[in-house]
C-alpha cells in the first residue's frame, strides 16, 4: 500500500465519505437485528454466530494475499444477501437467520472501521488504515 499526499492510504476513503460508510454499517447492523427479531430468530444463535465470520482471520496464516482474499470472501455483503434471497425463496428460516446474523456482523465491522482488506496486510482496509500506525 502506498501513502497518498494527504497522509491517507491510497485506495482508502477518508473524511465525510468514511464517516458515511461507517454510519451505513451501523444502519445495516441495526436493520439486521430488527429483522432478526421480526423473523423470531434465537438470540442465543445470534450471539454464538455473530463472530463466526472472524474465523476468516485464519487465512492470514497463509500470508497477506491469501488472508485478504479469505477475509474479504467472509466479509463481503453479497454472499449473505444471496443466502437471504435463498431463505425467502425456498423458504428457510435458518437460511434467513444466518444471512441476518452474517450481515449484522459485516455492519458492525464497518461501523467500527474494519473494512475489506488489501493484500498489503491486515491493517490496510478500504475504510482506511487500522491498528497502531493508523493515522
N, C-alpha and C. Protein backbone atom coordinates (compact mmCIF):
# COMPACT_ATOMS: atom_id res chain seq x y z
N UNK A 1 0.84 -1.17 0.00
CA UNK A 1 0.00 0.00 0.00
C UNK A 1 0.89 1.23 0.00
N UNK A 2 0.43 2.23 -0.65
CA UNK A 2 1.17 3.48 -0.69
C UNK A 2 0.40 4.55 0.06
N UNK A 3 1.13 5.56 0.49
CA UNK A 3 0.50 6.65 1.20
C UNK A 3 0.25 7.80 0.25
N UNK A 4 -0.94 8.35 0.28
CA UNK A 4 -1.30 9.48 -0.56
C UNK A 4 -0.69 10.76 0.01
N UNK A 5 -0.69 11.83 -0.78
CA UNK A 5 -0.07 13.09 -0.37
C UNK A 5 -0.72 13.70 0.87
N UNK A 6 -1.97 13.33 1.16
CA UNK A 6 -2.65 13.89 2.33
C UNK A 6 -2.48 13.02 3.57
N UNK A 7 -1.60 12.00 3.49
CA UNK A 7 -1.31 11.16 4.64
C UNK A 7 -2.21 9.95 4.78
N UNK A 8 -3.21 9.79 3.90
CA UNK A 8 -4.09 8.63 3.95
C UNK A 8 -3.48 7.50 3.14
N UNK A 9 -4.02 6.33 3.28
CA UNK A 9 -3.59 5.19 2.49
C UNK A 9 -4.27 5.28 1.13
N UNK A 10 -3.47 5.21 0.07
CA UNK A 10 -4.04 5.26 -1.28
C UNK A 10 -5.05 4.13 -1.45
N UNK A 11 -6.20 4.45 -2.03
CA UNK A 11 -7.24 3.45 -2.25
C UNK A 11 -8.22 3.34 -1.11
N UNK A 12 -8.02 4.12 -0.05
CA UNK A 12 -8.93 4.09 1.09
C UNK A 12 -9.71 5.39 1.16
N UNK A 13 -10.91 5.31 1.66
CA UNK A 13 -11.73 6.52 1.82
C UNK A 13 -11.36 7.22 3.12
N UNK A 14 -11.72 8.49 3.20
CA UNK A 14 -11.43 9.25 4.41
C UNK A 14 -12.44 10.39 4.54
N UNK A 15 -12.39 11.08 5.65
CA UNK A 15 -13.27 12.23 5.87
C UNK A 15 -14.73 11.86 5.94
N UNK A 16 -15.56 12.72 5.33
CA UNK A 16 -17.01 12.55 5.36
C UNK A 16 -17.48 11.27 4.71
N UNK A 17 -16.80 10.83 3.65
CA UNK A 17 -17.20 9.58 2.98
C UNK A 17 -16.97 8.39 3.90
N UNK A 18 -15.84 8.40 4.61
CA UNK A 18 -15.55 7.32 5.56
C UNK A 18 -16.60 7.30 6.66
N UNK A 19 -16.96 8.46 7.17
CA UNK A 19 -17.98 8.56 8.22
C UNK A 19 -19.31 8.03 7.70
N UNK A 20 -19.68 8.41 6.49
CA UNK A 20 -20.93 7.94 5.90
C UNK A 20 -20.94 6.42 5.77
N UNK A 21 -19.84 5.83 5.31
CA UNK A 21 -19.77 4.38 5.17
C UNK A 21 -19.85 3.68 6.53
N UNK A 22 -19.26 4.28 7.56
CA UNK A 22 -19.35 3.70 8.89
C UNK A 22 -20.77 3.79 9.44
N UNK A 23 -21.45 4.91 9.19
CA UNK A 23 -22.85 5.05 9.61
C UNK A 23 -23.74 4.07 8.85
N UNK A 24 -23.42 3.85 7.59
CA UNK A 24 -24.15 2.87 6.79
C UNK A 24 -24.00 1.47 7.41
N UNK A 25 -22.80 1.15 7.88
CA UNK A 25 -22.57 -0.13 8.55
C UNK A 25 -23.40 -0.26 9.81
N UNK A 26 -23.47 0.82 10.58
CA UNK A 26 -24.29 0.82 11.79
C UNK A 26 -25.77 0.61 11.45
N UNK A 27 -26.23 1.28 10.41
CA UNK A 27 -27.62 1.12 9.97
C UNK A 27 -27.90 -0.32 9.53
N UNK A 28 -26.95 -0.92 8.83
CA UNK A 28 -27.10 -2.32 8.40
C UNK A 28 -27.21 -3.23 9.61
N UNK A 29 -26.33 -3.05 10.58
CA UNK A 29 -26.36 -3.90 11.78
C UNK A 29 -27.68 -3.75 12.53
N UNK A 30 -28.14 -2.53 12.69
CA UNK A 30 -29.41 -2.30 13.39
C UNK A 30 -30.59 -2.89 12.62
N UNK A 31 -30.61 -2.71 11.31
CA UNK A 31 -31.69 -3.26 10.49
C UNK A 31 -31.70 -4.78 10.58
N UNK A 32 -30.54 -5.39 10.55
CA UNK A 32 -30.47 -6.86 10.64
C UNK A 32 -30.99 -7.34 11.99
N UNK A 33 -30.66 -6.63 13.06
CA UNK A 33 -31.15 -7.02 14.39
C UNK A 33 -32.68 -6.89 14.46
N UNK A 34 -33.22 -5.83 13.87
CA UNK A 34 -34.68 -5.64 13.86
C UNK A 34 -35.35 -6.76 13.06
N UNK A 35 -34.83 -7.05 11.87
CA UNK A 35 -35.42 -8.12 11.06
C UNK A 35 -35.25 -9.49 11.71
N UNK A 36 -34.11 -9.69 12.36
CA UNK A 36 -33.88 -10.95 13.07
C UNK A 36 -34.95 -11.15 14.15
N UNK A 37 -35.24 -10.09 14.87
CA UNK A 37 -36.29 -10.15 15.88
C UNK A 37 -37.65 -10.40 15.23
N UNK A 38 -37.92 -9.72 14.12
CA UNK A 38 -39.18 -9.88 13.39
C UNK A 38 -39.36 -11.33 12.93
N UNK A 39 -38.28 -11.94 12.45
CA UNK A 39 -38.34 -13.32 11.98
C UNK A 39 -38.16 -14.33 13.11
N UNK A 40 -38.20 -13.85 14.35
CA UNK A 40 -38.19 -14.67 15.55
C UNK A 40 -36.99 -15.63 15.63
N UNK A 41 -35.82 -15.09 15.35
CA UNK A 41 -34.60 -15.88 15.46
C UNK A 41 -34.19 -16.07 16.91
N UNK A 42 -33.44 -17.10 17.17
CA UNK A 42 -32.91 -17.38 18.51
C UNK A 42 -31.78 -16.41 18.82
N UNK A 43 -31.91 -15.67 19.91
CA UNK A 43 -30.86 -14.72 20.29
C UNK A 43 -29.61 -15.44 20.77
N UNK A 44 -29.76 -16.68 21.23
CA UNK A 44 -28.57 -17.48 21.57
C UNK A 44 -27.77 -17.77 20.31
N UNK A 45 -28.47 -18.16 19.25
CA UNK A 45 -27.79 -18.44 17.98
C UNK A 45 -27.13 -17.16 17.46
N UNK A 46 -27.82 -16.04 17.58
CA UNK A 46 -27.27 -14.75 17.14
C UNK A 46 -25.96 -14.48 17.87
N UNK A 47 -25.98 -14.61 19.19
CA UNK A 47 -24.79 -14.33 20.00
C UNK A 47 -23.63 -15.27 19.68
N UNK A 48 -23.95 -16.53 19.50
CA UNK A 48 -22.90 -17.54 19.23
C UNK A 48 -22.28 -17.35 17.85
N UNK A 49 -23.11 -17.04 16.85
CA UNK A 49 -22.61 -16.97 15.47
C UNK A 49 -22.17 -15.58 15.02
N UNK A 50 -22.42 -14.57 15.82
CA UNK A 50 -22.11 -13.20 15.40
C UNK A 50 -20.64 -13.03 15.02
N UNK A 51 -19.75 -13.68 15.71
CA UNK A 51 -18.31 -13.52 15.42
C UNK A 51 -17.75 -14.61 14.50
N UNK A 52 -18.61 -15.52 14.04
CA UNK A 52 -18.15 -16.62 13.18
C UNK A 52 -17.38 -16.16 11.94
N UNK A 53 -17.81 -15.09 11.25
CA UNK A 53 -17.03 -14.66 10.07
C UNK A 53 -15.58 -14.29 10.38
N UNK A 54 -15.29 -13.98 11.65
CA UNK A 54 -13.92 -13.62 12.00
C UNK A 54 -12.98 -14.82 12.01
N UNK A 55 -13.52 -16.02 11.90
CA UNK A 55 -12.64 -17.19 11.73
C UNK A 55 -11.83 -17.08 10.44
N UNK A 56 -12.29 -16.21 9.55
CA UNK A 56 -11.55 -16.00 8.29
C UNK A 56 -10.17 -15.39 8.53
N UNK A 57 -9.91 -14.88 9.73
CA UNK A 57 -8.57 -14.38 10.08
C UNK A 57 -7.54 -15.48 9.88
N UNK A 58 -7.96 -16.72 10.03
CA UNK A 58 -7.03 -17.84 9.90
C UNK A 58 -6.38 -17.88 8.51
N UNK A 59 -7.03 -17.27 7.52
CA UNK A 59 -6.43 -17.20 6.19
C UNK A 59 -5.10 -16.47 6.18
N UNK A 60 -4.89 -15.59 7.14
CA UNK A 60 -3.62 -14.85 7.22
C UNK A 60 -2.45 -15.75 7.60
N UNK A 61 -2.72 -16.95 8.07
CA UNK A 61 -1.65 -17.90 8.34
C UNK A 61 -0.95 -18.30 7.04
N UNK A 62 -1.64 -18.15 5.92
CA UNK A 62 -1.06 -18.48 4.60
C UNK A 62 -0.46 -17.24 3.93
N UNK A 63 -0.43 -16.12 4.63
CA UNK A 63 0.14 -14.89 4.09
C UNK A 63 -0.91 -13.82 3.84
N UNK A 64 -0.44 -12.59 3.60
CA UNK A 64 -1.38 -11.47 3.47
C UNK A 64 -2.28 -11.53 2.24
N UNK A 65 -1.79 -12.05 1.14
CA UNK A 65 -2.62 -12.12 -0.07
C UNK A 65 -3.77 -13.11 0.11
N UNK A 66 -3.46 -14.31 0.59
CA UNK A 66 -4.50 -15.32 0.85
C UNK A 66 -5.39 -14.85 1.98
N UNK A 67 -4.80 -14.28 3.03
CA UNK A 67 -5.57 -13.79 4.16
C UNK A 67 -6.60 -12.76 3.75
N UNK A 68 -6.18 -11.80 2.93
CA UNK A 68 -7.10 -10.76 2.46
C UNK A 68 -8.23 -11.37 1.64
N UNK A 69 -7.90 -12.32 0.78
CA UNK A 69 -8.93 -12.95 -0.07
C UNK A 69 -9.95 -13.71 0.78
N UNK A 70 -9.47 -14.47 1.76
CA UNK A 70 -10.37 -15.25 2.61
C UNK A 70 -11.21 -14.31 3.48
N UNK A 71 -10.56 -13.31 4.07
CA UNK A 71 -11.27 -12.34 4.91
C UNK A 71 -12.35 -11.63 4.09
N UNK A 72 -11.99 -11.16 2.90
CA UNK A 72 -12.95 -10.43 2.07
C UNK A 72 -14.10 -11.31 1.62
N UNK A 73 -13.84 -12.59 1.36
CA UNK A 73 -14.91 -13.51 0.97
C UNK A 73 -15.92 -13.64 2.11
N UNK A 74 -15.44 -13.62 3.35
CA UNK A 74 -16.32 -13.77 4.51
C UNK A 74 -16.94 -12.44 4.95
N UNK A 75 -16.44 -11.33 4.41
CA UNK A 75 -16.91 -10.02 4.86
C UNK A 75 -17.50 -9.16 3.74
N UNK A 76 -17.72 -9.76 2.59
CA UNK A 76 -18.41 -9.06 1.50
C UNK A 76 -19.91 -9.32 1.65
N UNK A 77 -20.70 -8.32 1.47
CA UNK A 77 -22.15 -8.42 1.73
C UNK A 77 -22.90 -9.29 0.72
N UNK A 78 -22.31 -9.56 -0.43
CA UNK A 78 -23.05 -10.26 -1.48
C UNK A 78 -23.45 -11.68 -1.08
N UNK A 79 -22.59 -12.41 -0.39
CA UNK A 79 -22.90 -13.80 -0.05
C UNK A 79 -24.05 -13.89 0.95
N UNK A 80 -24.03 -13.15 2.06
CA UNK A 80 -25.20 -13.23 2.95
C UNK A 80 -26.48 -12.69 2.30
N UNK A 81 -26.35 -11.73 1.39
CA UNK A 81 -27.55 -11.26 0.68
C UNK A 81 -28.14 -12.37 -0.17
N UNK A 82 -27.29 -13.10 -0.88
CA UNK A 82 -27.77 -14.22 -1.69
C UNK A 82 -28.38 -15.31 -0.81
N UNK A 83 -27.75 -15.56 0.34
CA UNK A 83 -28.29 -16.54 1.28
C UNK A 83 -29.67 -16.10 1.77
N UNK A 84 -29.83 -14.81 2.01
CA UNK A 84 -31.13 -14.28 2.43
C UNK A 84 -32.19 -14.47 1.36
N UNK A 85 -31.80 -14.27 0.11
CA UNK A 85 -32.74 -14.48 -1.01
C UNK A 85 -33.15 -15.94 -1.07
N UNK A 86 -32.17 -16.84 -0.92
CA UNK A 86 -32.48 -18.27 -0.89
C UNK A 86 -33.44 -18.57 0.26
N UNK A 87 -33.19 -17.96 1.42
CA UNK A 87 -34.05 -18.16 2.58
C UNK A 87 -35.48 -17.71 2.34
N UNK A 88 -35.65 -16.69 1.51
CA UNK A 88 -37.00 -16.22 1.20
C UNK A 88 -37.67 -17.08 0.14
N UNK A 89 -36.92 -17.52 -0.86
CA UNK A 89 -37.48 -18.27 -1.99
C UNK A 89 -37.82 -19.70 -1.60
N UNK A 90 -36.97 -20.35 -0.79
CA UNK A 90 -37.14 -21.77 -0.52
C UNK A 90 -38.44 -22.12 0.20
N UNK A 91 -38.95 -21.57 1.21
CA UNK A 91 -38.40 -20.69 2.24
C UNK A 91 -37.67 -21.48 3.33
N UNK A 92 -36.68 -20.81 3.94
CA UNK A 92 -35.90 -21.43 5.00
C UNK A 92 -35.62 -20.38 6.08
N UNK A 93 -36.20 -20.59 7.24
CA UNK A 93 -35.96 -19.68 8.36
C UNK A 93 -34.49 -19.70 8.76
N UNK A 94 -33.86 -20.88 8.72
CA UNK A 94 -32.45 -20.99 9.10
C UNK A 94 -31.58 -20.16 8.16
N UNK A 95 -31.80 -20.28 6.85
CA UNK A 95 -31.02 -19.50 5.90
C UNK A 95 -31.22 -18.00 6.13
N UNK A 96 -32.46 -17.60 6.39
CA UNK A 96 -32.74 -16.19 6.65
C UNK A 96 -32.04 -15.72 7.92
N UNK A 97 -32.10 -16.53 8.98
CA UNK A 97 -31.45 -16.15 10.23
C UNK A 97 -29.94 -16.04 10.06
N UNK A 98 -29.35 -17.01 9.37
CA UNK A 98 -27.90 -16.97 9.14
C UNK A 98 -27.50 -15.75 8.31
N UNK A 99 -28.29 -15.43 7.30
CA UNK A 99 -28.00 -14.26 6.46
C UNK A 99 -28.05 -12.98 7.28
N UNK A 100 -29.02 -12.88 8.18
CA UNK A 100 -29.16 -11.67 9.00
C UNK A 100 -28.03 -11.56 10.03
N UNK A 101 -27.63 -12.67 10.63
CA UNK A 101 -26.51 -12.65 11.58
C UNK A 101 -25.23 -12.25 10.86
N UNK A 102 -24.99 -12.86 9.71
CA UNK A 102 -23.79 -12.59 8.93
C UNK A 102 -23.76 -11.13 8.49
N UNK A 103 -24.88 -10.63 8.01
CA UNK A 103 -24.95 -9.23 7.58
C UNK A 103 -24.79 -8.27 8.76
N UNK A 104 -25.33 -8.63 9.92
CA UNK A 104 -25.14 -7.81 11.11
C UNK A 104 -23.67 -7.72 11.47
N UNK A 105 -22.97 -8.85 11.37
CA UNK A 105 -21.52 -8.86 11.64
C UNK A 105 -20.80 -7.89 10.70
N UNK A 106 -21.12 -7.97 9.43
CA UNK A 106 -20.48 -7.08 8.45
C UNK A 106 -20.78 -5.63 8.79
N UNK A 107 -22.03 -5.33 9.14
CA UNK A 107 -22.40 -3.97 9.51
C UNK A 107 -21.64 -3.47 10.73
N UNK A 108 -21.52 -4.31 11.75
CA UNK A 108 -20.77 -3.93 12.96
C UNK A 108 -19.31 -3.66 12.61
N UNK A 109 -18.72 -4.55 11.82
CA UNK A 109 -17.33 -4.35 11.40
C UNK A 109 -17.15 -3.01 10.69
N UNK A 110 -18.04 -2.72 9.76
CA UNK A 110 -17.95 -1.45 9.01
C UNK A 110 -18.11 -0.26 9.95
N UNK A 111 -19.06 -0.36 10.87
CA UNK A 111 -19.29 0.74 11.82
C UNK A 111 -18.05 1.00 12.68
N UNK A 112 -17.32 -0.06 12.99
CA UNK A 112 -16.11 0.07 13.79
C UNK A 112 -14.88 0.45 12.97
N UNK A 113 -15.04 0.53 11.65
CA UNK A 113 -13.93 0.93 10.79
C UNK A 113 -13.14 -0.21 10.20
N UNK A 114 -13.61 -1.45 10.40
CA UNK A 114 -12.92 -2.61 9.82
C UNK A 114 -13.48 -2.86 8.43
N UNK A 115 -12.73 -2.47 7.43
CA UNK A 115 -13.18 -2.62 6.06
C UNK A 115 -12.62 -3.85 5.40
N UNK A 116 -12.93 -3.98 4.13
CA UNK A 116 -12.36 -5.06 3.33
C UNK A 116 -10.86 -4.83 3.23
N UNK A 117 -10.11 -5.92 3.15
CA UNK A 117 -8.65 -5.83 3.24
C UNK A 117 -7.97 -5.79 1.88
N UNK A 118 -6.88 -5.04 1.84
CA UNK A 118 -5.96 -5.08 0.71
C UNK A 118 -4.88 -6.09 1.04
N UNK A 119 -4.20 -6.61 0.03
CA UNK A 119 -3.21 -7.66 0.29
C UNK A 119 -1.89 -7.14 0.84
N UNK A 120 -1.82 -5.84 1.16
CA UNK A 120 -0.63 -5.28 1.79
C UNK A 120 -0.51 -5.66 3.25
N UNK A 121 -1.56 -6.20 3.84
CA UNK A 121 -1.56 -6.59 5.24
C UNK A 121 -2.92 -6.33 5.86
N UNK A 122 -3.13 -6.89 7.03
CA UNK A 122 -4.43 -6.81 7.69
C UNK A 122 -4.85 -5.38 7.98
N UNK A 123 -3.90 -4.50 8.25
CA UNK A 123 -4.24 -3.14 8.66
C UNK A 123 -4.65 -2.23 7.50
N UNK A 124 -4.50 -2.69 6.27
CA UNK A 124 -4.85 -1.87 5.10
C UNK A 124 -6.26 -2.22 4.62
N UNK A 125 -7.21 -1.31 4.86
CA UNK A 125 -8.60 -1.58 4.51
C UNK A 125 -9.17 -0.50 3.61
N UNK A 126 -10.31 -0.78 3.01
CA UNK A 126 -10.95 0.21 2.15
C UNK A 126 -11.52 1.37 2.96
N UNK A 127 -11.61 1.22 4.27
CA UNK A 127 -12.07 2.31 5.14
C UNK A 127 -10.92 3.07 5.78
N UNK A 128 -9.70 2.74 5.38
CA UNK A 128 -8.52 3.40 5.93
C UNK A 128 -7.69 2.43 6.74
N UNK A 129 -6.56 2.90 7.18
CA UNK A 129 -5.62 2.08 7.94
C UNK A 129 -6.14 1.88 9.35
N UNK A 130 -5.99 0.66 9.87
CA UNK A 130 -6.38 0.36 11.24
C UNK A 130 -5.15 -0.09 12.02
N UNK A 131 -5.23 -0.04 13.32
CA UNK A 131 -4.14 -0.51 14.16
C UNK A 131 -3.31 0.62 14.72
N UNK A 132 -2.16 0.26 15.28
CA UNK A 132 -1.30 1.21 15.97
C UNK A 132 -0.79 2.33 15.06
N UNK A 133 -0.53 2.02 13.81
CA UNK A 133 0.06 3.01 12.89
C UNK A 133 -1.00 3.75 12.08
N UNK A 134 -2.26 3.58 12.43
CA UNK A 134 -3.33 4.26 11.72
C UNK A 134 -3.23 5.77 11.94
N UNK A 135 -3.61 6.48 10.90
CA UNK A 135 -3.49 7.94 11.00
C UNK A 135 -4.73 8.64 11.38
